[in-house]
Protein backbone atom coordinates (compact mmCIF):
# COMPACT_ATOMS: atom_id res chain seq x y z
CA MET A 1 -0.84 11.67 11.48
CA ASP A 2 1.02 13.54 14.24
CA ASP A 3 4.91 13.81 13.47
CA LYS A 4 5.53 11.41 16.20
CA THR A 5 3.76 8.46 14.26
CA LEU A 6 5.13 9.73 10.92
CA GLN A 7 8.63 9.11 12.42
CA ALA A 8 7.94 6.11 13.37
CA PHE A 9 5.73 4.22 10.40
CA ARG A 10 9.25 5.98 8.65
CA ALA A 11 11.47 4.04 10.82
CA CYS A 12 9.51 1.07 10.14
CA VAL A 13 9.32 1.34 6.59
CA ALA A 14 13.28 2.04 6.43
CA HIS A 15 14.04 -1.09 8.87
CA THR A 16 12.16 -3.86 6.87
CA ALA A 17 13.50 -2.44 3.24
CA PRO A 18 15.80 -4.42 3.08
CA GLY A 19 13.69 -7.52 3.97
CA ARG A 20 11.43 -6.53 1.42
CA GLU A 21 14.03 -5.85 -1.46
CA ARG A 22 15.67 -9.18 -0.31
CA VAL A 23 12.23 -10.94 -1.32
CA ARG A 24 10.96 -9.01 -4.18
CA GLU A 25 12.60 -10.69 -7.15
CA PRO A 26 11.88 -14.42 -5.79
CA VAL A 27 8.63 -13.77 -5.28
CA ALA A 28 7.90 -11.98 -8.25
CA GLY A 29 9.54 -14.92 -10.41
CA GLY A 30 7.25 -17.40 -8.07
CA GLN A 31 10.20 -18.86 -6.76
CA TRP A 32 8.70 -18.99 -2.93
CA ARG A 33 11.46 -20.73 -1.10
CA GLU A 34 14.66 -18.91 -1.89
CA ALA A 35 11.86 -15.89 -0.76
CA GLU A 36 12.01 -17.75 2.74
CA PRO A 37 14.80 -19.81 3.09
CA ASP A 38 14.81 -20.70 7.08
CA THR A 39 12.49 -23.68 6.07
CA ALA A 40 10.81 -23.53 9.86
CA ARG A 41 9.46 -19.99 9.38
CA ALA A 42 8.10 -20.93 6.02
CA ARG A 43 6.26 -23.91 7.31
CA SER A 44 4.81 -22.06 10.08
CA TYR A 45 3.65 -19.66 7.75
CA ALA A 46 1.90 -22.46 5.15
CA LEU A 47 -0.05 -24.04 8.46
CA ARG A 48 -0.79 -20.51 9.49
CA ARG A 49 -2.27 -19.84 6.26
CA ARG A 50 -4.21 -23.43 6.23
CA ASN A 51 -5.48 -22.68 9.33
CA LEU A 52 -7.27 -19.89 8.68
CA GLY A 53 -10.19 -21.83 6.76
CA ALA A 54 -12.15 -21.08 3.84
CA PRO A 55 -12.57 -16.87 3.65
CA GLN A 56 -15.48 -15.82 5.75
CA ALA A 57 -17.69 -12.73 5.03
CA LEU A 58 -16.88 -9.95 7.15
CA ALA A 59 -19.35 -7.36 8.58
CA SER A 60 -19.78 -4.11 6.93
CA VAL A 61 -17.58 -1.51 8.15
CA ASN A 62 -17.94 2.33 7.74
CA VAL A 63 -14.99 3.59 6.14
CA ASN A 64 -14.42 6.87 4.44
CA HIS A 65 -12.62 6.98 1.12
CA TRP A 66 -10.64 10.08 0.14
CA ARG A 67 -8.95 10.71 -2.73
CA VAL A 68 -5.06 12.49 -2.72
CA ASP A 69 -2.95 12.95 -5.08
CA ILE A 70 0.09 10.28 -5.93
CA ALA A 71 2.73 12.57 -4.70
CA ALA A 72 1.42 13.34 -1.50
CA ILE A 73 1.23 9.22 -0.64
CA GLU A 74 5.01 8.94 -2.24
CA LYS A 75 5.99 11.76 0.10
CA ILE A 76 4.07 10.36 3.21
CA THR A 77 5.32 6.74 2.79
CA GLY A 78 8.42 7.41 1.93
CA LEU A 79 7.54 4.92 -1.69
CA ASP A 80 8.08 5.99 -5.15
CA PHE A 81 5.73 5.14 -7.52
CA GLY A 82 7.77 5.89 -10.34
CA ALA A 83 7.05 8.81 -13.18
CA LYS A 84 4.43 6.69 -14.94
CA VAL A 85 2.23 6.32 -11.66
CA ARG A 86 2.45 10.03 -10.97
CA GLY A 87 2.18 10.90 -14.50
CA ALA A 88 -1.35 9.29 -14.81
CA ASP A 89 -2.74 10.64 -11.80
CA THR A 90 -5.98 12.32 -12.84
CA ILE A 91 -6.25 14.55 -9.96
CA LYS A 92 -4.13 17.13 -11.96
CA ASP A 93 -6.91 17.23 -14.47
CA GLY A 94 -8.52 20.68 -14.80
CA ASP A 95 -11.92 19.41 -13.80
CA GLN A 96 -10.51 17.84 -10.34
CA PRO A 97 -9.66 20.06 -7.38
CA GLN A 98 -6.20 22.40 -7.04
CA VAL A 99 -3.30 21.35 -5.40
CA GLY A 100 -3.68 21.95 -1.65
CA GLU A 101 -8.02 21.52 -2.03
CA ALA A 102 -7.31 17.74 -3.33
CA ARG A 103 -8.11 15.84 -0.30
CA ILE A 104 -11.70 15.29 -0.50
CA LEU A 105 -14.38 12.66 0.45
CA VAL A 106 -15.34 10.64 -2.00
CA SER A 107 -18.82 9.24 -1.68
CA SER A 108 -19.60 8.18 -5.15
CA PHE A 109 -17.63 6.61 -7.71
CA ALA A 110 -19.00 8.97 -9.71
CA GLN A 111 -16.54 11.18 -7.88
CA ILE A 112 -13.79 9.22 -9.04
CA LYS A 113 -12.33 10.30 -12.87
CA LEU A 114 -10.59 7.49 -14.11
């Protein structure tokens, strides 16, 4: 990701942080109406969801999966997953690539050590 794109992404994350923080606790407690006090907006969202219909099967896409250490994801996104998640990052294990070599293409589940 180039610097300009990364800056734009971080600005978007920072700009939307207060809204995400405002709804986090009500949503976690199942208080959906408190999460979106604007009834017109909540109704609009509900109608859009209702009009989507039943889930549809999607065509297969060719996607590469990459394995990256948690600290790198936190640095790029500005997120903080906390010490428990960072401590459980298996990329630090001895039979995993060393930091700097850790961005590897994952082509099978066998490559992911749990």
